[in-house]
Amino acid sequence: MYTFWRRVRSNWRRVDTWVFGGNTAALLLFAGNCYWHSVTATYLACLLPLTLQAWASRNDATLRYAFWFGAIIGWSWPIGEGTVVRLVGWWGQYEAPGLRVWDTPLYCILIGWLAGAYCLYVGRRVVELGYGRRGWALASGSSALFIGTLGENLFVWSGMWEYYASPLHVGAVPVFLPLAYGLGYAALPLLAELPLVAMALVFNVLMIVPTVGLGLLFGFFPRGGWFG
């Protein structure tokens, strides 16, 4: 562990500061929004780090790759969500107002963009530190598990959405969901040889497998839909 942190310190770049600083600021805003319950604060918490990443990615190929990967993940999310809820039923309901793409609010798309970019960036930076694809899988998977656990709870507590009851929750979130995120992002290295757009689209399709599979296994689905 000491060797790892020493390698991180010796290879730390200004771009890393922008990414981690922006995401930390977003996390603090999301936490504060548990008190404010503001859609505006949610948008600000998403757009601030995304704007910083857009600016910092101009001269950094790793961040640029992750940024556009996250964009594809976020903006294609309504297709995946709309498909899943029609297959096995709704997971809960959105509480906050705002523009929607199909069934998905715009702020949810931006959150998916931010989370996807961050998880991929962390994984690829770990590869650049010399830890290979296993390190990538561990870094991206654990980041997604953390975001899926803490982040989802913060959004519930801030009044953005709520989940229906399930046999097993972590806080206010069904436990299968952060597990599905972690498994999905841990599999990213398997898609490393694909072009960016293909990688993101295949990843979106593959994410349906652990999400629906674990949801069925944990007794959360079905809740209507074609198979309900």
C-alpha atoms as a PDB file:
ATOM      1  CA  MET A   1       0.000   0.000   0.000  1.00  0.00           C
ATOM      2  CA  TYR A   2       2.833   2.395   0.803  1.00  0.00           C
ATOM      3  CA  THR A   3       4.386   1.669  -2.598  1.00  0.00           C
ATOM      4  CA  PHE A   4       1.089   2.438  -4.287  1.00  0.00           C
ATOM      5  CA  TRP A   5       0.660   5.821  -2.609  1.00  0.00           C
ATOM      6  CA  ARG A   6       4.289   6.717  -3.263  1.00  0.00           C
ATOM      7  CA  ARG A   7       3.755   5.946  -6.951  1.00  0.00           C
ATOM      8  CA  VAL A   8       0.594   8.047  -6.970  1.00  0.00           C
ATOM      9  CA  ARG A   9       2.407  11.021  -5.416  1.00  0.00           C
ATOM     10  CA  SER A  10       5.307  10.807  -7.833  1.00  0.00           C
ATOM     11  CA  ASN A  11       3.007  10.623 -10.879  1.00  0.00           C
ATOM     12  CA  TRP A  12       0.376  13.120  -9.772  1.00  0.00           C
ATOM     13  CA  ARG A  13      -0.546  15.638 -12.470  1.00  0.00           C
ATOM     14  CA  ARG A  14      -2.359  18.945 -12.519  1.00  0.00           C
ATOM     15  CA  VAL A  15      -5.183  17.287 -14.440  1.00  0.00           C
ATOM     16  CA  ASP A  16      -5.635  14.851 -11.563  1.00  0.00           C
ATOM     17  CA  THR A  17      -6.097  17.809  -9.250  1.00  0.00           C
ATOM     18  CA  TRP A  18      -8.814  19.246 -11.502  1.00  0.00           C
ATOM     19  CA  VAL A  19     -10.643  15.916 -11.688  1.00  0.00           C
ATOM     20  CA  PHE A  20     -10.485  14.994  -8.028  1.00  0.00           C
ATOM     21  CA  GLY A  21     -11.011  18.564  -6.865  1.00  0.00           C
ATOM     22  CA  GLY A  22     -14.074  19.008  -9.058  1.00  0.00           C
ATOM     23  CA  ASN A  23     -15.590  15.701  -7.996  1.00  0.00           C
ATOM     24  CA  THR A  24     -14.917  16.441  -4.332  1.00  0.00           C
ATOM     25  CA  ALA A  25     -16.685  19.779  -4.690  1.00  0.00           C
ATOM     26  CA  ALA A  26     -19.607  17.979  -6.336  1.00  0.00           C
ATOM     27  CA  LEU A  27     -19.755  15.478  -3.486  1.00  0.00           C
ATOM     28  CA  LEU A  28     -19.889  18.287  -0.934  1.00  0.00           C
ATOM     29  CA  LEU A  29     -22.677  20.001  -2.855  1.00  0.00           C
ATOM     30  CA  PHE A  30     -24.633  16.749  -3.078  1.00  0.00           C
ATOM     31  CA  ALA A  31     -24.205  16.305   0.670  1.00  0.00           C
ATOM     32  CA  GLY A  32     -25.346  19.868   1.348  1.00  0.00           C
ATOM     33  CA  ASN A  33     -28.337  19.299  -0.899  1.00  0.00           C
ATOM     34  CA  CYS A  34     -29.651  16.770   1.606  1.00  0.00           C
ATOM     35  CA  TYR A  35     -30.567  19.925   3.541  1.00  0.00           C
ATOM     36  CA  TRP A  36     -31.454  22.247   0.641  1.00  0.00           C
ATOM     37  CA  HIS A  37     -33.448  19.734  -1.486  1.00  0.00           C
ATOM     38  CA  SER A  38     -32.713  21.879  -4.535  1.00  0.00           C
ATOM     39  CA  VAL A  39     -32.774  20.776  -8.164  1.00  0.00           C
ATOM     40  CA  THR A  40     -30.628  23.808  -8.967  1.00  0.00           C
ATOM     41  CA  ALA A  41     -27.944  22.603  -6.551  1.00  0.00           C
ATOM     42  CA  THR A  42     -28.029  19.187  -8.195  1.00  0.00           C
ATOM     43  CA  TYR A  43     -27.424  20.722 -11.608  1.00  0.00           C
ATOM     44  CA  LEU A  44     -24.641  22.892 -10.205  1.00  0.00           C
ATOM     45  CA  ALA A  45     -22.978  19.892  -8.561  1.00  0.00           C
ATOM     46  CA  CYS A  46     -22.964  18.077 -11.917  1.00  0.00           C
ATOM     47  CA  LEU A  47     -22.067  20.948 -14.220  1.00  0.00           C
ATOM     48  CA  LEU A  48     -19.191  22.318 -12.123  1.00  0.00           C
ATOM     49  CA  PRO A  49     -16.913  19.247 -12.393  1.00  0.00           C
ATOM     50  CA  LEU A  50     -18.039  18.516 -15.950  1.00  0.00           C
ATOM     51  CA  THR A  51     -17.062  22.048 -16.982  1.00  0.00           C
ATOM     52  CA  LEU A  52     -13.690  21.679 -15.261  1.00  0.00           C
ATOM     53  CA  GLN A  53     -13.129  18.345 -17.007  1.00  0.00           C
ATOM     54  CA  ALA A  54     -14.053  19.790 -20.386  1.00  0.00           C
ATOM     55  CA  TRP A  55     -11.496  22.558 -19.887  1.00  0.00           C
ATOM     56  CA  ALA A  56      -8.761  20.299 -18.479  1.00  0.00           C
ATOM     57  CA  SER A  57      -9.239  17.608 -21.150  1.00  0.00           C
ATOM     58  CA  ARG A  58      -8.129  19.896 -23.979  1.00  0.00           C
ATOM     59  CA  ASN A  59      -4.507  18.783 -23.612  1.00  0.00           C
ATOM     60  CA  ASP A  60      -4.957  15.456 -21.830  1.00  0.00           C
ATOM     61  CA  ALA A  61      -5.874  12.370 -23.858  1.00  0.00           C
ATOM     62  CA  THR A  62      -6.752  10.214 -20.836  1.00  0.00           C
ATOM     63  CA  LEU A  63      -9.259  12.687 -19.431  1.00  0.00           C
ATOM     64  CA  ARG A  64     -10.632  13.494 -22.884  1.00  0.00           C
ATOM     65  CA  TYR A  65     -11.293   9.786 -23.494  1.00  0.00           C
ATOM     66  CA  ALA A  66     -13.003   9.396 -20.112  1.00  0.00           C
ATOM     67  CA  PHE A  67     -15.001  12.607 -20.539  1.00  0.00           C
ATOM     68  CA  TRP A  68     -16.555  11.497 -23.829  1.00  0.00           C
ATOM     69  CA  PHE A  69     -17.086   7.975 -22.547  1.00  0.00           C
ATOM     70  CA  GLY A  70     -19.082   9.449 -19.679  1.00  0.00           C
ATOM     71  CA  ALA A  71     -21.032  11.628 -22.109  1.00  0.00           C
ATOM     72  CA  ILE A  72     -22.142   8.592 -24.104  1.00  0.00           C
ATOM     73  CA  ILE A  73     -23.010   6.709 -20.914  1.00  0.00           C
ATOM     74  CA  GLY A  74     -25.075   9.585 -19.568  1.00  0.00           C
ATOM     75  CA  TRP A  75     -26.955  10.470 -22.736  1.00  0.00           C
ATOM     76  CA  SER A  76     -27.753   6.867 -23.613  1.00  0.00           C
ATOM     77  CA  TRP A  77     -28.896   6.111 -20.059  1.00  0.00           C
ATOM     78  CA  PRO A  78     -32.578   6.927 -20.827  1.00  0.00           C
ATOM     79  CA  ILE A  79     -32.622   4.135 -23.422  1.00  0.00           C
ATOM     80  CA  GLY A  80     -31.300   1.581 -20.941  1.00  0.00           C
ATOM     81  CA  GLU A  81     -33.543   2.744 -18.127  1.00  0.00           C
ATOM     82  CA  GLY A  82     -36.621   2.946 -20.315  1.00  0.00           C
ATOM     83  CA  THR A  83     -35.967  -0.571 -21.586  1.00  0.00           C
ATOM     84  CA  VAL A  84     -35.341  -2.104 -18.153  1.00  0.00           C
ATOM     85  CA  VAL A  85     -38.440  -0.626 -16.505  1.00  0.00           C
ATOM     86  CA  ARG A  86     -40.574  -1.963 -19.342  1.00  0.00           C
ATOM     87  CA  LEU A  87     -39.029  -5.408 -18.994  1.00  0.00           C
ATOM     88  CA  VAL A  88     -39.176  -5.893 -15.236  1.00  0.00           C
ATOM     89  CA  GLY A  89     -40.962  -2.839 -13.856  1.00  0.00           C
ATOM     90  CA  TRP A  90     -40.190   0.490 -12.230  1.00  0.00           C
ATOM     91  CA  TRP A  91     -37.463   0.727  -9.603  1.00  0.00           C
ATOM     92  CA  GLY A  92     -39.013   3.702  -7.795  1.00  0.00           C
ATOM     93  CA  GLN A  93     -39.915   7.218  -8.836  1.00  0.00           C
ATOM     94  CA  TYR A  94     -38.328  10.572  -9.570  1.00  0.00           C
ATOM     95  CA  GLU A  95     -39.361  13.276  -7.127  1.00  0.00           C
ATOM     96  CA  ALA A  96     -37.693  16.435  -8.450  1.00  0.00           C
ATOM     97  CA  PRO A  97     -39.109  18.391 -11.395  1.00  0.00           C
ATOM     98  CA  GLY A  98     -37.291  19.207 -14.582  1.00  0.00           C
ATOM     99  CA  LEU A  99     -36.755  18.293 -18.197  1.00  0.00           C
ATOM    100  CA  ARG A 100     -36.824  14.605 -19.110  1.00  0.00           C
ATOM    101  CA  VAL A 101     -35.493  12.478 -21.928  1.00  0.00           C
ATOM    102  CA  TRP A 102     -38.047   9.699 -22.280  1.00  0.00           C
ATOM    103  CA  ASP A 103     -38.547   8.775 -18.593  1.00  0.00           C
ATOM    104  CA  THR A 104     -35.188  10.051 -17.296  1.00  0.00           C
ATOM    105  CA  PRO A 105     -34.653  13.569 -15.879  1.00  0.00           C
ATOM    106  CA  LEU A 106     -31.849  15.651 -17.315  1.00  0.00           C
ATOM    107  CA  TYR A 107     -30.072  15.858 -13.961  1.00  0.00           C
ATOM    108  CA  CYS A 108     -29.865  12.048 -13.906  1.00  0.00           C
ATOM    109  CA  ILE A 109     -28.202  12.078 -17.335  1.00  0.00           C
ATOM    110  CA  LEU A 110     -25.614  14.564 -16.079  1.00  0.00           C
ATOM    111  CA  ILE A 111     -24.960  12.471 -12.973  1.00  0.00           C
ATOM    112  CA  GLY A 112     -24.398   9.418 -15.170  1.00  0.00           C
ATOM    113  CA  TRP A 113     -22.017  11.432 -17.343  1.00  0.00           C
ATOM    114  CA  LEU A 114     -20.009  12.575 -14.338  1.00  0.00           C
ATOM    115  CA  ALA A 115     -19.872   9.159 -12.674  1.00  0.00           C
ATOM    116  CA  GLY A 116     -18.988   7.315 -15.882  1.00  0.00           C
ATOM    117  CA  ALA A 117     -16.181   9.716 -16.719  1.00  0.00           C
ATOM    118  CA  TYR A 118     -14.753   9.524 -13.213  1.00  0.00           C
ATOM    119  CA  CYS A 119     -14.792   5.722 -12.965  1.00  0.00           C
ATOM    120  CA  LEU A 120     -13.087   5.291 -16.322  1.00  0.00           C
ATOM    121  CA  TYR A 121     -10.535   8.025 -15.649  1.00  0.00           C
ATOM    122  CA  VAL A 122      -9.496   6.482 -12.334  1.00  0.00           C
ATOM    123  CA  GLY A 123      -9.092   3.078 -13.948  1.00  0.00           C
ATOM    124  CA  ARG A 124      -7.019   4.314 -16.870  1.00  0.00           C
ATOM    125  CA  ARG A 125      -4.792   6.363 -14.591  1.00  0.00           C
ATOM    126  CA  VAL A 126      -4.109   3.249 -12.531  1.00  0.00           C
ATOM    127  CA  VAL A 127      -3.027   1.504 -15.743  1.00  0.00           C
ATOM    128  CA  GLU A 128      -0.718   4.437 -16.492  1.00  0.00           C
ATOM    129  CA  LEU A 129       0.821   3.974 -13.049  1.00  0.00           C
ATOM    130  CA  GLY A 130       1.829   0.475 -14.119  1.00  0.00           C
ATOM    131  CA  TYR A 131      -0.796  -1.695 -12.433  1.00  0.00           C
ATOM    132  CA  GLY A 132      -2.268  -3.191 -15.601  1.00  0.00           C
ATOM    133  CA  ARG A 133      -5.824  -4.190 -16.345  1.00  0.00           C
ATOM    134  CA  ARG A 134      -6.373  -5.894 -13.006  1.00  0.00           C
ATOM    135  CA  GLY A 135      -5.638  -2.573 -11.356  1.00  0.00           C
ATOM    136  CA  TRP A 136      -8.025  -0.896 -13.782  1.00  0.00           C
ATOM    137  CA  ALA A 137     -10.781  -3.386 -12.890  1.00  0.00           C
ATOM    138  CA  LEU A 138     -10.224  -2.875  -9.173  1.00  0.00           C
ATOM    139  CA  ALA A 139     -10.055   0.929  -9.380  1.00  0.00           C
ATOM    140  CA  SER A 140     -13.073   1.388 -11.664  1.00  0.00           C
ATOM    141  CA  GLY A 141     -15.137  -1.259  -9.911  1.00  0.00           C
ATOM    142  CA  SER A 142     -14.479   0.026  -6.403  1.00  0.00           C
ATOM    143  CA  SER A 143     -15.103   3.632  -7.517  1.00  0.00           C
ATOM    144  CA  ALA A 144     -18.458   2.627  -9.010  1.00  0.00           C
ATOM    145  CA  LEU A 145     -19.345   0.669  -5.867  1.00  0.00           C
ATOM    146  CA  PHE A 146     -18.540   3.698  -3.705  1.00  0.00           C
ATOM    147  CA  ILE A 147     -20.434   6.139  -5.931  1.00  0.00           C
ATOM    148  CA  GLY A 148     -23.347   3.742  -6.234  1.00  0.00           C
ATOM    149  CA  THR A 149     -23.583   3.407  -2.460  1.00  0.00           C
ATOM    150  CA  LEU A 150     -22.908   6.920  -1.180  1.00  0.00           C
ATOM    151  CA  GLY A 151     -24.014   8.890  -4.237  1.00  0.00           C
ATOM    152  CA  GLU A 152     -27.336   7.117  -4.684  1.00  0.00           C
ATOM    153  CA  ASN A 153     -28.135   7.610  -1.004  1.00  0.00           C
ATOM    154  CA  LEU A 154     -27.304  11.313  -1.204  1.00  0.00           C
ATOM    155  CA  PHE A 155     -29.676  11.738  -4.145  1.00  0.00           C
ATOM    156  CA  VAL A 156     -32.460   9.953  -2.271  1.00  0.00           C
ATOM    157  CA  TRP A 157     -31.872  12.005   0.873  1.00  0.00           C
ATOM    158  CA  SER A 158     -31.843  15.217  -1.183  1.00  0.00           C
ATOM    159  CA  GLY A 159     -35.246  14.378  -2.656  1.00  0.00           C
ATOM    160  CA  MET A 160     -34.224  13.755  -6.253  1.00  0.00           C
ATOM    161  CA  TRP A 161     -35.684  10.244  -6.353  1.00  0.00           C
ATOM    162  CA  GLU A 162     -36.735   7.362  -4.149  1.00  0.00           C
ATOM    163  CA  TYR A 163     -36.597   3.575  -4.407  1.00  0.00           C
ATOM    164  CA  TYR A 164     -39.359   1.144  -3.678  1.00  0.00           C
ATOM    165  CA  ALA A 165     -38.851  -1.165  -0.725  1.00  0.00           C
ATOM    166  CA  SER A 166     -36.722  -4.267  -1.238  1.00  0.00           C
ATOM    167  CA  PRO A 167     -35.612  -7.207   0.933  1.00  0.00           C
ATOM    168  CA  LEU A 168     -32.137  -5.730   1.420  1.00  0.00           C
ATOM    169  CA  HIS A 169     -31.117  -2.065   1.404  1.00  0.00           C
ATOM    170  CA  VAL A 170     -27.919  -0.168   2.095  1.00  0.00           C
ATOM    171  CA  GLY A 171     -29.246   3.055   3.534  1.00  0.00           C
ATOM    172  CA  ALA A 172     -32.117   4.076   1.253  1.00  0.00           C
ATOM    173  CA  VAL A 173     -30.838   2.190  -1.809  1.00  0.00           C
ATOM    174  CA  PRO A 174     -31.460  -1.459  -2.787  1.00  0.00           C
ATOM    175  CA  VAL A 175     -28.164  -3.244  -2.271  1.00  0.00           C
ATOM    176  CA  PHE A 176     -28.178  -4.913  -5.683  1.00  0.00           C
ATOM    177  CA  LEU A 177     -27.774  -1.574  -7.446  1.00  0.00           C
ATOM    178  CA  PRO A 178     -24.301  -0.493  -6.226  1.00  0.00           C
ATOM    179  CA  LEU A 179     -23.193  -4.116  -6.612  1.00  0.00           C
ATOM    180  CA  ALA A 180     -24.305  -4.028 -10.246  1.00  0.00           C
ATOM    181  CA  TYR A 181     -22.418  -0.766 -10.803  1.00  0.00           C
ATOM    182  CA  GLY A 182     -19.273  -2.235  -9.265  1.00  0.00           C
ATOM    183  CA  LEU A 183     -19.420  -5.412 -11.354  1.00  0.00           C
ATOM    184  CA  GLY A 184     -20.161  -3.514 -14.542  1.00  0.00           C
ATOM    185  CA  TYR A 185     -17.291  -1.067 -14.211  1.00  0.00           C
ATOM    186  CA  ALA A 186     -14.904  -3.789 -13.072  1.00  0.00           C
ATOM    187  CA  ALA A 187     -15.512  -5.429 -16.469  1.00  0.00           C
ATOM    188  CA  LEU A 188     -14.439  -2.320 -18.414  1.00  0.00           C
ATOM    189  CA  PRO A 189     -10.912  -3.659 -19.166  1.00  0.00           C
ATOM    190  CA  LEU A 190     -12.523  -6.468 -21.165  1.00  0.00           C
ATOM    191  CA  LEU A 191     -13.728  -3.814 -23.628  1.00  0.00           C
ATOM    192  CA  ALA A 192     -10.442  -1.933 -23.798  1.00  0.00           C
ATOM    193  CA  GLU A 193      -9.691  -2.857 -27.411  1.00  0.00           C
ATOM    194  CA  LEU A 194     -12.951  -1.436 -28.731  1.00  0.00           C
ATOM    195  CA  PRO A 195     -13.194   2.093 -30.148  1.00  0.00           C
ATOM    196  CA  LEU A 196     -14.562   4.642 -27.713  1.00  0.00           C
ATOM    197  CA  VAL A 197     -18.154   4.776 -28.998  1.00  0.00           C
ATOM    198  CA  ALA A 198     -18.414   0.999 -29.354  1.00  0.00           C
ATOM    199  CA  MET A 199     -16.913   0.521 -25.891  1.00  0.00           C
ATOM    200  CA  ALA A 200     -19.479   2.814 -24.289  1.00  0.00           C
ATOM    201  CA  LEU A 201     -22.453   1.348 -26.132  1.00  0.00           C
ATOM    202  CA  VAL A 202     -21.447  -2.263 -25.446  1.00  0.00           C
ATOM    203  CA  PHE A 203     -20.855  -1.345 -21.817  1.00  0.00           C
ATOM    204  CA  ASN A 204     -24.362   0.117 -21.567  1.00  0.00           C
ATOM    205  CA  VAL A 205     -25.877  -3.074 -22.936  1.00  0.00           C
ATOM    206  CA  LEU A 206     -23.794  -5.268 -20.644  1.00  0.00           C
ATOM    207  CA  MET A 207     -24.807  -3.221 -17.592  1.00  0.00           C
ATOM    208  CA  ILE A 208     -28.360  -4.477 -18.049  1.00  0.00           C
ATOM    209  CA  VAL A 209     -27.214  -8.029 -17.202  1.00  0.00           C
ATOM    210  CA  PRO A 210     -25.968  -7.447 -13.606  1.00  0.00           C
ATOM    211  CA  THR A 211     -28.647  -4.832 -12.940  1.00  0.00           C
ATOM    212  CA  VAL A 212     -31.586  -7.035 -13.893  1.00  0.00           C
ATOM    213  CA  GLY A 213     -29.895 -10.269 -12.806  1.00  0.00           C
ATOM    214  CA  LEU A 214     -29.021  -9.051  -9.306  1.00  0.00           C
ATOM    215  CA  GLY A 215     -32.371  -7.283  -9.025  1.00  0.00           C
ATOM    216  CA  LEU A 216     -34.138 -10.592  -9.653  1.00  0.00           C
ATOM    217  CA  LEU A 217     -31.756 -12.488  -7.372  1.00  0.00           C
ATOM    218  CA  PHE A 218     -32.309 -10.064  -4.477  1.00  0.00           C
ATOM    219  CA  GLY A 219     -36.073 -10.106  -4.953  1.00  0.00           C
ATOM    220  CA  PHE A 220     -36.415  -6.493  -6.071  1.00  0.00           C
ATOM    221  CA  PHE A 221     -37.742  -7.313  -9.547  1.00  0.00           C
ATOM    222  CA  PRO A 222     -40.148  -7.993 -11.156  1.00  0.00           C
ATOM    223  CA  ARG A 223     -42.458  -5.081 -10.419  1.00  0.00           C
ATOM    224  CA  GLY A 224     -44.579  -5.168 -13.541  1.00  0.00           C
ATOM    225  CA  GLY A 225     -43.350  -4.794 -17.112  1.00  0.00           C
ATOM    226  CA  TRP A 226     -43.316  -7.604 -19.626  1.00  0.00           C
ATOM    227  CA  PHE A 227     -42.017 -10.149 -17.126  1.00  0.00           C
ATOM    228  CA  GLY A 228     -43.944  -8.927 -14.101  1.00  0.00           C
END
